[in-house]
Amino acid sequence: MHGMIHSRNKRTYEDFKNQIPREIKPLFFQIRELCLSFGENVVEDERMHRIVFGKSMNFRWFADLESTSEEIIVKIQKNRKEFPITFKIQKEEKFEDLKNLINEAFTSIH
């Protein structure tokens, strides 16, 4: 199911990957792989400036990744009744905190 949903402009992950600054690419890939590791029901949607990960074809999103020149902005949605949590990350030392938040969001979505 990975990559089944694409935006209207048919943007691919490869297109998106080429715009990520070299310095933060390894961290971005780590976060992406974490989101995809939750199982076959994870859907990845490439948008103009970000990638959104959802659960199943209902596409209840749990993580939204956007790269800037210096950091990755991650929005985490635990459920529709709460506002998303925004997490900015530049270095791998904060990855464990982010990993726990993304895992919580994925498991809380029904």
C-alpha atoms as a PDB file:
ATOM      1  CA  MET A   1       0.000   0.000   0.000  1.00  0.00           C
ATOM      2  CA  HIS A   2       2.970   2.318   0.395  1.00  0.00           C
ATOM      3  CA  GLY A   3       2.758   5.224  -1.990  1.00  0.00           C
ATOM      4  CA  MET A   4      -0.688   4.344  -3.334  1.00  0.00           C
ATOM      5  CA  ILE A   5      -2.141   7.789  -2.847  1.00  0.00           C
ATOM      6  CA  HIS A   6      -0.602  10.683  -4.760  1.00  0.00           C
ATOM      7  CA  SER A   7      -1.587  14.302  -5.018  1.00  0.00           C
ATOM      8  CA  ARG A   8      -3.055  15.680  -8.233  1.00  0.00           C
ATOM      9  CA  ASN A   9       0.316  16.736  -9.597  1.00  0.00           C
ATOM     10  CA  LYS A  10       1.602  13.120  -9.545  1.00  0.00           C
ATOM     11  CA  ARG A  11       4.564  14.114  -7.416  1.00  0.00           C
ATOM     12  CA  THR A  12       6.684  11.127  -6.434  1.00  0.00           C
ATOM     13  CA  TYR A  13       8.829  10.426  -3.408  1.00  0.00           C
ATOM     14  CA  GLU A  14      11.909  10.770  -5.633  1.00  0.00           C
ATOM     15  CA  ASP A  15      10.797  14.293  -6.622  1.00  0.00           C
ATOM     16  CA  PHE A  16      10.320  15.183  -2.995  1.00  0.00           C
ATOM     17  CA  LYS A  17      13.602  13.575  -1.901  1.00  0.00           C
ATOM     18  CA  ASN A  18      15.576  15.756  -4.322  1.00  0.00           C
ATOM     19  CA  GLN A  19      14.455  18.945  -2.558  1.00  0.00           C
ATOM     20  CA  ILE A  20      15.572  17.864   0.950  1.00  0.00           C
ATOM     21  CA  PRO A  21      18.821  19.584   2.005  1.00  0.00           C
ATOM     22  CA  ARG A  22      21.752  17.154   2.135  1.00  0.00           C
ATOM     23  CA  GLU A  23      22.494  17.882   5.810  1.00  0.00           C
ATOM     24  CA  ILE A  24      19.127  16.645   7.046  1.00  0.00           C
ATOM     25  CA  LYS A  25      18.473  13.835   4.527  1.00  0.00           C
ATOM     26  CA  PRO A  26      19.732  11.011   6.799  1.00  0.00           C
ATOM     27  CA  LEU A  27      17.456  12.122   9.638  1.00  0.00           C
ATOM     28  CA  PHE A  28      14.525  12.601   7.275  1.00  0.00           C
ATOM     29  CA  PHE A  29      15.019   9.047   5.951  1.00  0.00           C
ATOM     30  CA  GLN A  30      15.105   7.700   9.517  1.00  0.00           C
ATOM     31  CA  ILE A  31      11.770   9.336  10.330  1.00  0.00           C
ATOM     32  CA  ARG A  32      10.255   8.118   7.053  1.00  0.00           C
ATOM     33  CA  GLU A  33      11.424   4.554   7.666  1.00  0.00           C
ATOM     34  CA  LEU A  34       9.975   4.674  11.179  1.00  0.00           C
ATOM     35  CA  CYS A  35       6.565   5.693   9.808  1.00  0.00           C
ATOM     36  CA  LEU A  36       6.641   2.989   7.136  1.00  0.00           C
ATOM     37  CA  SER A  37       7.732   0.340   9.659  1.00  0.00           C
ATOM     38  CA  PHE A  38       4.330   0.319  11.364  1.00  0.00           C
ATOM     39  CA  GLY A  39       2.931  -2.073   8.786  1.00  0.00           C
ATOM     40  CA  GLU A  40       1.256  -2.615   5.475  1.00  0.00           C
ATOM     41  CA  ASN A  41      -1.673  -0.375   6.383  1.00  0.00           C
ATOM     42  CA  VAL A  42       0.522   2.768   6.375  1.00  0.00           C
ATOM     43  CA  VAL A  43      -0.165   5.046   3.420  1.00  0.00           C
ATOM     44  CA  GLU A  44       2.422   7.587   2.281  1.00  0.00           C
ATOM     45  CA  ASP A  45       1.141  10.653   0.416  1.00  0.00           C
ATOM     46  CA  GLU A  46       3.670  12.892  -1.348  1.00  0.00           C
ATOM     47  CA  ARG A  47       2.516  16.486  -1.441  1.00  0.00           C
ATOM     48  CA  MET A  48       4.146  19.607  -2.851  1.00  0.00           C
ATOM     49  CA  HIS A  49       6.362  20.444   0.140  1.00  0.00           C
ATOM     50  CA  ARG A  50       5.773  17.613   2.563  1.00  0.00           C
ATOM     51  CA  ILE A  51       5.005  13.937   3.019  1.00  0.00           C
ATOM     52  CA  VAL A  52       2.025  12.787   5.057  1.00  0.00           C
ATOM     53  CA  PHE A  53       1.638   9.338   6.603  1.00  0.00           C
ATOM     54  CA  GLY A  54      -1.774   7.923   7.329  1.00  0.00           C
ATOM     55  CA  LYS A  55      -3.286   4.718   8.555  1.00  0.00           C
ATOM     56  CA  SER A  56      -5.278   2.634   6.058  1.00  0.00           C
ATOM     57  CA  MET A  57      -7.324   3.799   3.114  1.00  0.00           C
ATOM     58  CA  ASN A  58      -9.392   6.027   5.418  1.00  0.00           C
ATOM     59  CA  PHE A  59      -6.162   8.007   5.632  1.00  0.00           C
ATOM     60  CA  ARG A  60      -6.337   9.147   9.192  1.00  0.00           C
ATOM     61  CA  TRP A  61      -2.978  10.843   9.269  1.00  0.00           C
ATOM     62  CA  PHE A  62      -0.526  10.504  12.131  1.00  0.00           C
ATOM     63  CA  ALA A  63       2.651  12.210  10.839  1.00  0.00           C
ATOM     64  CA  ASP A  64       3.339  15.077   8.445  1.00  0.00           C
ATOM     65  CA  LEU A  65       6.993  15.711   7.480  1.00  0.00           C
ATOM     66  CA  GLU A  66       8.302  18.903   5.942  1.00  0.00           C
ATOM     67  CA  SER A  67      11.930  19.861   5.437  1.00  0.00           C
ATOM     68  CA  THR A  68      13.346  23.354   5.638  1.00  0.00           C
ATOM     69  CA  SER A  69      16.917  24.378   4.941  1.00  0.00           C
ATOM     70  CA  GLU A  70      17.950  23.580   8.531  1.00  0.00           C
ATOM     71  CA  GLU A  71      15.382  21.287  10.150  1.00  0.00           C
ATOM     72  CA  ILE A  72      12.509  18.892   9.738  1.00  0.00           C
ATOM     73  CA  ILE A  73       9.094  20.008  10.904  1.00  0.00           C
ATOM     74  CA  VAL A  74       7.027  17.057  12.052  1.00  0.00           C
ATOM     75  CA  LYS A  75       3.341  17.448  12.839  1.00  0.00           C
ATOM     76  CA  ILE A  76       1.884  14.587  14.832  1.00  0.00           C
ATOM     77  CA  GLN A  77      -1.863  13.947  15.007  1.00  0.00           C
ATOM     78  CA  LYS A  78      -3.110  11.585  17.727  1.00  0.00           C
ATOM     79  CA  ASN A  79      -6.796  12.049  16.983  1.00  0.00           C
ATOM     80  CA  ARG A  80      -9.165  14.465  15.292  1.00  0.00           C
ATOM     81  CA  LYS A  81     -10.283  16.055  18.553  1.00  0.00           C
ATOM     82  CA  GLU A  82      -6.818  17.362  19.459  1.00  0.00           C
ATOM     83  CA  PHE A  83      -4.622  19.863  17.691  1.00  0.00           C
ATOM     84  CA  PRO A  84      -1.528  18.392  16.059  1.00  0.00           C
ATOM     85  CA  ILE A  85       1.746  18.527  17.972  1.00  0.00           C
ATOM     86  CA  THR A  86       4.533  20.265  16.048  1.00  0.00           C
ATOM     87  CA  PHE A  87       8.038  18.970  16.632  1.00  0.00           C
ATOM     88  CA  LYS A  88      11.103  20.579  15.022  1.00  0.00           C
ATOM     89  CA  ILE A  89      14.191  18.422  14.776  1.00  0.00           C
ATOM     90  CA  GLN A  90      17.685  19.114  13.469  1.00  0.00           C
ATOM     91  CA  LYS A  91      19.828  16.420  14.994  1.00  0.00           C
ATOM     92  CA  GLU A  92      19.475  12.737  15.665  1.00  0.00           C
ATOM     93  CA  GLU A  93      19.755  13.070  19.447  1.00  0.00           C
ATOM     94  CA  LYS A  94      16.091  14.124  19.620  1.00  0.00           C
ATOM     95  CA  PHE A  95      14.994  11.229  17.419  1.00  0.00           C
ATOM     96  CA  GLU A  96      14.073   8.979  20.370  1.00  0.00           C
ATOM     97  CA  ASP A  97      11.618  11.578  21.733  1.00  0.00           C
ATOM     98  CA  LEU A  98      10.085  11.999  18.299  1.00  0.00           C
ATOM     99  CA  LYS A  99       9.969   8.236  17.753  1.00  0.00           C
ATOM    100  CA  ASN A 100       7.871   7.780  20.894  1.00  0.00           C
ATOM    101  CA  LEU A 101       5.420  10.539  19.881  1.00  0.00           C
ATOM    102  CA  ILE A 102       4.937   9.125  16.383  1.00  0.00           C
ATOM    103  CA  ASN A 103       4.450   5.623  17.761  1.00  0.00           C
ATOM    104  CA  GLU A 104       1.803   6.921  20.217  1.00  0.00           C
ATOM    105  CA  ALA A 105      -0.015   8.744  17.425  1.00  0.00           C
ATOM    106  CA  PHE A 106      -0.034   5.703  15.159  1.00  0.00           C
ATOM    107  CA  THR A 107      -1.350   3.366  17.849  1.00  0.00           C
ATOM    108  CA  SER A 108      -4.039   5.808  19.001  1.00  0.00           C
ATOM    109  CA  ILE A 109      -5.638   6.118  15.539  1.00  0.00           C
ATOM    110  CA  HIS A 110      -8.556   3.750  14.932  1.00  0.00           C
END
